């Protein structure tokens, strides 16, 4: 007995997923040509929750909220 299995055609679905997942963000001039630095930031839960809420109110990501907070602190 021989079973023939046919792979489902998912290429179109996969291409649509990849196209929809790509971020269309312009490169910020201050970062152009310079590598970003990354590090683990451990936040107390309450601080994370409060920051996440404020970022949502400002309609920005938590990442961008933290970057802005650091910029504000460094300019004052």
PDB file of N, CA and C in Angstrom:
ATOM      1  N   UNK A   1       0.843  -1.174   0.000  1.00  0.00           N
ATOM      2  CA  UNK A   1       0.000   0.000   0.000  1.00  0.00           C
ATOM      3  C   UNK A   1       0.892   1.242   0.000  1.00  0.00           C
ATOM      4  N   UNK A   2       0.647   2.161  -0.900  1.00  0.00           N
ATOM      5  CA  UNK A   2       1.419   3.378  -1.000  1.00  0.00           C
ATOM      6  C   UNK A   2       0.507   4.574  -0.761  1.00  0.00           C
ATOM      7  N   UNK A   3       0.886   5.383   0.169  1.00  0.00           N
ATOM      8  CA  UNK A   3       0.135   6.601   0.446  1.00  0.00           C
ATOM      9  C   UNK A   3       0.867   7.780  -0.174  1.00  0.00           C
ATOM     10  N   UNK A   4       0.151   8.582  -0.897  1.00  0.00           N
ATOM     11  CA  UNK A   4       0.732   9.787  -1.451  1.00  0.00           C
ATOM     12  C   UNK A   4       0.187  10.963  -0.662  1.00  0.00           C
ATOM     13  N   UNK A   5       1.096  11.701  -0.134  1.00  0.00           N
ATOM     14  CA  UNK A   5       0.688  12.879   0.614  1.00  0.00           C
ATOM     15  C   UNK A   5       1.083  14.108  -0.180  1.00  0.00           C
ATOM     16  N   UNK A   6       0.206  15.034  -0.216  1.00  0.00           N
ATOM     17  CA  UNK A   6       0.451  16.269  -0.946  1.00  0.00           C
ATOM     18  C   UNK A   6       0.606  17.402   0.068  1.00  0.00           C
ATOM     19  N   UNK A   7       1.681  18.154  -0.103  1.00  0.00           N
ATOM     20  CA  UNK A   7       1.893  19.300   0.781  1.00  0.00           C
ATOM     21  C   UNK A   7       0.884  20.383   0.452  1.00  0.00           C
ATOM     22  N   UNK A   8       0.357  21.019   1.449  1.00  0.00           N
ATOM     23  CA  UNK A   8      -0.587  22.107   1.180  1.00  0.00           C
ATOM     24  C   UNK A   8       0.142  23.293   0.555  1.00  0.00           C
ATOM     25  N   UNK A   9      -0.549  24.020  -0.275  1.00  0.00           N
ATOM     26  CA  UNK A   9       0.007  25.213  -0.907  1.00  0.00           C
ATOM     27  C   UNK A   9      -0.076  26.371   0.078  1.00  0.00           C
ATOM     28  N   UNK A  10       1.035  26.641   0.728  1.00  0.00           N
ATOM     29  CA  UNK A  10       1.033  27.715   1.722  1.00  0.00           C
ATOM     30  C   UNK A  10       1.944  28.870   1.330  1.00  0.00           C
ATOM     31  N   UNK A  11       2.583  28.765   0.172  1.00  0.00           N
ATOM     32  CA  UNK A  11       3.521  29.807  -0.225  1.00  0.00           C
ATOM     33  C   UNK A  11       2.861  31.177  -0.276  1.00  0.00           C
ATOM     34  N   UNK A  12       1.668  31.265  -0.870  1.00  0.00           N
ATOM     35  CA  UNK A  12       0.990  32.556  -0.950  1.00  0.00           C
ATOM     36  C   UNK A  12       0.650  33.086   0.430  1.00  0.00           C
ATOM     37  N   UNK A  13       0.193  32.202   1.304  1.00  0.00           N
ATOM     38  CA  UNK A  13      -0.133  32.612   2.667  1.00  0.00           C
ATOM     39  C   UNK A  13       1.114  33.083   3.406  1.00  0.00           C
ATOM     40  N   UNK A  14       2.219  32.369   3.224  1.00  0.00           N
ATOM     41  CA  UNK A  14       3.463  32.732   3.886  1.00  0.00           C
ATOM     42  C   UNK A  14       3.979  34.071   3.368  1.00  0.00           C
ATOM     43  N   UNK A  15       3.922  34.274   2.059  1.00  0.00           N
ATOM     44  CA  UNK A  15       4.362  35.549   1.482  1.00  0.00           C
ATOM     45  C   UNK A  15       3.511  36.704   1.998  1.00  0.00           C
ATOM     46  N   UNK A  16       2.207  36.485   2.104  1.00  0.00           N
ATOM     47  CA  UNK A  16       1.312  37.526   2.612  1.00  0.00           C
ATOM     48  C   UNK A  16       1.626  37.831   4.073  1.00  0.00           C
ATOM     49  N   UNK A  17       1.926  36.789   4.841  1.00  0.00           N
ATOM     50  CA  UNK A  17       2.272  36.989   6.246  1.00  0.00           C
ATOM     51  C   UNK A  17       3.555  37.801   6.381  1.00  0.00           C
ATOM     52  N   UNK A  18       4.576  37.425   5.613  1.00  0.00           N
ATOM     53  CA  UNK A  18       5.858  38.124   5.681  1.00  0.00           C
ATOM     54  C   UNK A  18       5.704  39.573   5.247  1.00  0.00           C
ATOM     55  N   UNK A  19       4.959  39.805   4.176  1.00  0.00           N
ATOM     56  CA  UNK A  19       4.751  41.166   3.695  1.00  0.00           C
ATOM     57  C   UNK A  19       4.030  42.009   4.748  1.00  0.00           C
ATOM     58  N   UNK A  20       3.035  41.430   5.410  1.00  0.00           N
ATOM     59  CA  UNK A  20       2.283  42.148   6.430  1.00  0.00           C
ATOM     60  C   UNK A  20       3.066  42.359   7.712  1.00  0.00           C
ATOM     61  N   UNK A  21       4.090  41.543   7.962  1.00  0.00           N
ATOM     62  CA  UNK A  21       4.845  41.629   9.210  1.00  0.00           C
ATOM     63  C   UNK A  21       6.008  42.600   9.129  1.00  0.00           C
ATOM     64  N   UNK A  22       6.378  43.023   7.944  1.00  0.00           N
ATOM     65  CA  UNK A  22       7.524  43.918   7.801  1.00  0.00           C
ATOM     66  C   UNK A  22       7.196  45.294   8.346  1.00  0.00           C
ATOM     67  N   UNK A  23       8.104  45.826   9.120  1.00  0.00           N
ATOM     68  CA  UNK A  23       7.932  47.168   9.673  1.00  0.00           C
ATOM     69  C   UNK A  23       8.406  48.187   8.648  1.00  0.00           C
ATOM     70  N   UNK A  24       7.579  49.135   8.368  1.00  0.00           N
ATOM     71  CA  UNK A  24       7.922  50.199   7.432  1.00  0.00           C
ATOM     72  C   UNK A  24       8.264  51.448   8.231  1.00  0.00           C
ATOM     73  N   UNK A  25       9.432  51.431   8.858  1.00  0.00           N
ATOM     74  CA  UNK A  25       9.832  52.566   9.671  1.00  0.00           C
ATOM     75  C   UNK A  25      11.052  53.225   9.040  1.00  0.00           C
ATOM     76  N   UNK A  26      11.041  54.545   8.945  1.00  0.00           N
ATOM     77  CA  UNK A  26      12.211  55.226   8.401  1.00  0.00           C
ATOM     78  C   UNK A  26      13.380  55.146   9.386  1.00  0.00           C
ATOM     79  N   UNK A  27      14.581  55.181   8.857  1.00  0.00           N
ATOM     80  CA  UNK A  27      15.768  55.177   9.704  1.00  0.00           C
ATOM     81  C   UNK A  27      15.935  56.568  10.302  1.00  0.00           C
ATOM     82  N   UNK A  28      16.051  56.621  11.609  1.00  0.00           N
ATOM     83  CA  UNK A  28      16.232  57.908  12.271  1.00  0.00           C
ATOM     84  C   UNK A  28      17.625  58.437  11.958  1.00  0.00           C
ATOM     85  N   UNK A  29      17.706  59.721  11.648  1.00  0.00           N
ATOM     86  CA  UNK A  29      18.972  60.315  11.239  1.00  0.00           C
ATOM     87  C   UNK A  29      20.053  60.176  12.299  1.00  0.00           C
ATOM     88  N   UNK A  30      19.678  60.302  13.570  1.00  0.00           N
ATOM     89  CA  UNK A  30      20.702  60.236  14.613  1.00  0.00           C
ATOM     90  C   UNK A  30      21.278  58.830  14.766  1.00  0.00           C
ATOM     91  N   UNK A  31      20.598  57.829  14.207  1.00  0.00           N
ATOM     92  CA  UNK A  31      21.089  56.453  14.305  1.00  0.00           C
ATOM     93  C   UNK A  31      21.649  55.932  12.991  1.00  0.00           C
ATOM     94  N   UNK A  32      21.549  56.696  11.936  1.00  0.00           N
ATOM     95  CA  UNK A  32      22.003  56.235  10.632  1.00  0.00           C
ATOM     96  C   UNK A  32      23.495  55.928  10.676  1.00  0.00           C
ATOM     97  N   UNK A  33      23.840  54.731  10.299  1.00  0.00           N
ATOM     98  CA  UNK A  33      25.238  54.330  10.241  1.00  0.00           C
ATOM     99  C   UNK A  33      25.852  53.947  11.575  1.00  0.00           C
ATOM    100  N   UNK A  34      25.111  54.046  12.653  1.00  0.00           N
ATOM    101  CA  UNK A  34      25.637  53.697  13.973  1.00  0.00           C
ATOM    102  C   UNK A  34      24.882  52.483  14.499  1.00  0.00           C
ATOM    103  N   UNK A  35      25.600  51.516  15.057  1.00  0.00           N
ATOM    104  CA  UNK A  35      24.903  50.345  15.591  1.00  0.00           C
ATOM    105  C   UNK A  35      24.164  50.690  16.887  1.00  0.00           C
ATOM    106  N   UNK A  36      22.999  50.105  17.063  1.00  0.00           N
ATOM    107  CA  UNK A  36      22.269  50.285  18.314  1.00  0.00           C
ATOM    108  C   UNK A  36      22.940  49.448  19.397  1.00  0.00           C
ATOM    109  N   UNK A  37      22.810  49.879  20.605  1.00  0.00           N
ATOM    110  CA  UNK A  37      23.316  49.128  21.750  1.00  0.00           C
ATOM    111  C   UNK A  37      22.115  48.512  22.464  1.00  0.00           C
ATOM    112  N   UNK A  38      22.225  47.281  22.840  1.00  0.00           N
ATOM    113  CA  UNK A  38      21.128  46.611  23.525  1.00  0.00           C
ATOM    114  C   UNK A  38      21.610  46.081  24.873  1.00  0.00           C
ATOM    115  N   UNK A  39      20.674  46.008  25.819  1.00  0.00           N
ATOM    116  CA  UNK A  39      20.964  45.428  27.116  1.00  0.00           C
ATOM    117  C   UNK A  39      19.650  45.039  27.770  1.00  0.00           C
ATOM    118  N   UNK A  40      19.734  44.123  28.694  1.00  0.00           N
ATOM    119  CA  UNK A  40      18.567  43.666  29.433  1.00  0.00           C
ATOM    120  C   UNK A  40      18.209  44.708  30.484  1.00  0.00           C
ATOM    121  N   UNK A  41      16.957  45.105  30.507  1.00  0.00           N
ATOM    122  CA  UNK A  41      16.490  46.058  31.501  1.00  0.00           C
ATOM    123  C   UNK A  41      15.445  45.362  32.360  1.00  0.00           C
ATOM    124  N   UNK A  42      15.764  45.186  33.611  1.00  0.00           N
ATOM    125  CA  UNK A  42      14.851  44.519  34.533  1.00  0.00           C
ATOM    126  C   UNK A  42      14.089  45.587  35.301  1.00  0.00           C
ATOM    127  N   UNK A  43      12.774  45.606  35.139  1.00  0.00           N
ATOM    128  CA  UNK A  43      11.929  46.602  35.807  1.00  0.00           C
ATOM    129  C   UNK A  43      11.057  45.939  36.863  1.00  0.00           C
ATOM    130  N   UNK A  44      10.848  46.611  37.983  1.00  0.00           N
ATOM    131  CA  UNK A  44       9.846  46.116  38.925  1.00  0.00           C
ATOM    132  C   UNK A  44       8.483  46.075  38.215  1.00  0.00           C
ATOM    133  N   UNK A  45       7.676  45.100  38.562  1.00  0.00           N
ATOM    134  CA  UNK A  45       6.400  44.898  37.875  1.00  0.00           C
ATOM    135  C   UNK A  45       5.543  46.159  37.865  1.00  0.00           C
ATOM    136  N   UNK A  46       5.423  46.838  38.995  1.00  0.00           N
ATOM    137  CA  UNK A  46       4.568  48.026  39.062  1.00  0.00           C
ATOM    138  C   UNK A  46       5.068  49.143  38.158  1.00  0.00           C
ATOM    139  N   UNK A  47       6.393  49.311  38.076  1.00  0.00           N
ATOM    140  CA  UNK A  47       6.962  50.325  37.187  1.00  0.00           C
ATOM    141  C   UNK A  47       6.719  49.955  35.728  1.00  0.00           C
ATOM    142  N   UNK A  48       6.887  48.664  35.401  1.00  0.00           N
ATOM    143  CA  UNK A  48       6.618  48.196  34.042  1.00  0.00           C
ATOM    144  C   UNK A  48       5.152  48.430  33.676  1.00  0.00           C
ATOM    145  N   UNK A  49       4.249  48.072  34.582  1.00  0.00           N
ATOM    146  CA  UNK A  49       2.819  48.213  34.325  1.00  0.00           C
ATOM    147  C   UNK A  49       2.439  49.680  34.122  1.00  0.00           C
ATOM    148  N   UNK A  50       2.942  50.554  34.985  1.00  0.00           N
ATOM    149  CA  UNK A  50       2.647  51.986  34.879  1.00  0.00           C
ATOM    150  C   UNK A  50       3.213  52.553  33.573  1.00  0.00           C
ATOM    151  N   UNK A  51       4.436  52.177  33.234  1.00  0.00           N
ATOM    152  CA  UNK A  51       5.062  52.667  32.001  1.00  0.00           C
ATOM    153  C   UNK A  51       4.336  52.155  30.770  1.00  0.00           C
ATOM    154  N   UNK A  52       3.940  50.900  30.780  1.00  0.00           N
ATOM    155  CA  UNK A  52       3.204  50.312  29.662  1.00  0.00           C
ATOM    156  C   UNK A  52       1.883  51.052  29.460  1.00  0.00           C
ATOM    157  N   UNK A  53       1.220  51.369  30.558  1.00  0.00           N
ATOM    158  CA  UNK A  53      -0.052  52.091  30.492  1.00  0.00           C
ATOM    159  C   UNK A  53       0.150  53.497  29.915  1.00  0.00           C
ATOM    160  N   UNK A  54       1.172  54.205  30.398  1.00  0.00           N
ATOM    161  CA  UNK A  54       1.434  55.556  29.895  1.00  0.00           C
ATOM    162  C   UNK A  54       1.859  55.538  28.434  1.00  0.00           C
ATOM    163  N   UNK A  55       2.612  54.537  28.043  1.00  0.00           N
ATOM    164  CA  UNK A  55       3.003  54.404  26.632  1.00  0.00           C
ATOM    165  C   UNK A  55       1.766  54.179  25.770  1.00  0.00           C
ATOM    166  N   UNK A  56       0.856  53.353  26.250  1.00  0.00           N
ATOM    167  CA  UNK A  56      -0.392  53.111  25.519  1.00  0.00           C
ATOM    168  C   UNK A  56      -1.223  54.376  25.401  1.00  0.00           C
ATOM    169  N   UNK A  57      -1.280  55.158  26.481  1.00  0.00           N
ATOM    170  CA  UNK A  57      -2.017  56.425  26.435  1.00  0.00           C
ATOM    171  C   UNK A  57      -1.423  57.385  25.411  1.00  0.00           C
ATOM    172  N   UNK A  58      -0.096  57.330  25.267  1.00  0.00           N
ATOM    173  CA  UNK A  58       0.590  58.199  24.301  1.00  0.00           C
ATOM    174  C   UNK A  58       0.610  57.579  22.906  1.00  0.00           C
ATOM    175  N   UNK A  59       0.048  56.385  22.775  1.00  0.00           N
ATOM    176  CA  UNK A  59      -0.014  55.652  21.498  1.00  0.00           C
ATOM    177  C   UNK A  59       1.380  55.398  20.925  1.00  0.00           C
ATOM    178  N   UNK A  60       2.311  55.014  21.808  1.00  0.00           N
ATOM    179  CA  UNK A  60       3.653  54.625  21.383  1.00  0.00           C
ATOM    180  C   UNK A  60       4.017  53.314  22.059  1.00  0.00           C
ATOM    181  N   UNK A  61       5.068  52.680  21.586  1.00  0.00           N
ATOM    182  CA  UNK A  61       5.502  51.422  22.188  1.00  0.00           C
ATOM    183  C   UNK A  61       6.207  51.697  23.506  1.00  0.00           C
ATOM    184  N   UNK A  62       6.304  50.675  24.330  1.00  0.00           N
ATOM    185  CA  UNK A  62       7.019  50.814  25.595  1.00  0.00           C
ATOM    186  C   UNK A  62       8.480  51.159  25.325  1.00  0.00           C
ATOM    187  N   UNK A  63       9.050  50.560  24.298  1.00  0.00           N
ATOM    188  CA  UNK A  63      10.429  50.849  23.912  1.00  0.00           C
ATOM    189  C   UNK A  63      10.611  52.340  23.639  1.00  0.00           C
ATOM    190  N   UNK A  64       9.746  52.903  22.797  1.00  0.00           N
ATOM    191  CA  UNK A  64       9.848  54.323  22.466  1.00  0.00           C
ATOM    192  C   UNK A  64       9.588  55.211  23.684  1.00  0.00           C
ATOM    193  N   UNK A  65       8.684  54.772  24.561  1.00  0.00           N
ATOM    194  CA  UNK A  65       8.396  55.521  25.788  1.00  0.00           C
ATOM    195  C   UNK A  65       9.646  55.596  26.677  1.00  0.00           C
ATOM    196  N   UNK A  66      10.330  54.475  26.829  1.00  0.00           N
ATOM    197  CA  UNK A  66      11.531  54.440  27.658  1.00  0.00           C
ATOM    198  C   UNK A  66      12.641  55.278  27.021  1.00  0.00           C
ATOM    199  N   UNK A  67      12.811  55.178  25.699  1.00  0.00           N
ATOM    200  CA  UNK A  67      13.816  55.986  24.997  1.00  0.00           C
ATOM    201  C   UNK A  67      13.537  57.470  25.228  1.00  0.00           C
ATOM    202  N   UNK A  68      12.274  57.878  25.093  1.00  0.00           N
ATOM    203  CA  UNK A  68      11.912  59.284  25.285  1.00  0.00           C
ATOM    204  C   UNK A  68      12.163  59.728  26.721  1.00  0.00           C
ATOM    205  N   UNK A  69      11.851  58.870  27.687  1.00  0.00           N
ATOM    206  CA  UNK A  69      12.076  59.205  29.089  1.00  0.00           C
ATOM    207  C   UNK A  69      13.564  59.409  29.368  1.00  0.00           C
ATOM    208  N   UNK A  70      14.411  58.577  28.778  1.00  0.00           N
ATOM    209  CA  UNK A  70      15.853  58.722  28.959  1.00  0.00           C
ATOM    210  C   UNK A  70      16.345  60.006  28.308  1.00  0.00           C
ATOM    211  N   UNK A  71      15.842  60.295  27.099  1.00  0.00           N
ATOM    212  CA  UNK A  71      16.222  61.550  26.425  1.00  0.00           C
ATOM    213  C   UNK A  71      15.815  62.753  27.259  1.00  0.00           C
ATOM    214  N   UNK A  72      14.583  62.733  27.775  1.00  0.00           N
ATOM    215  CA  UNK A  72      14.100  63.852  28.597  1.00  0.00           C
ATOM    216  C   UNK A  72      14.954  64.034  29.846  1.00  0.00           C
ATOM    217  N   UNK A  73      15.318  62.949  30.477  1.00  0.00           N
ATOM    218  CA  UNK A  73      16.122  63.007  31.704  1.00  0.00           C
ATOM    219  C   UNK A  73      17.514  63.545  31.395  1.00  0.00           C
ATOM    220  N   UNK A  74      18.072  63.199  30.247  1.00  0.00           N
ATOM    221  CA  UNK A  74      19.420  63.631  29.891  1.00  0.00           C
ATOM    222  C   UNK A  74      19.488  65.081  29.434  1.00  0.00           C
ATOM    223  N   UNK A  75      18.353  65.648  29.019  1.00  0.00           N
ATOM    224  CA  UNK A  75      18.373  67.042  28.564  1.00  0.00           C
ATOM    225  C   UNK A  75      18.054  68.019  29.690  1.00  0.00           C
ATOM    226  N   UNK A  76      17.574  67.538  30.813  1.00  0.00           N
ATOM    227  CA  UNK A  76      17.236  68.426  31.949  1.00  0.00           C
ATOM    228  C   UNK A  76      18.330  68.465  32.977  1.00  0.00           C
TER     229      UNK A  76
END
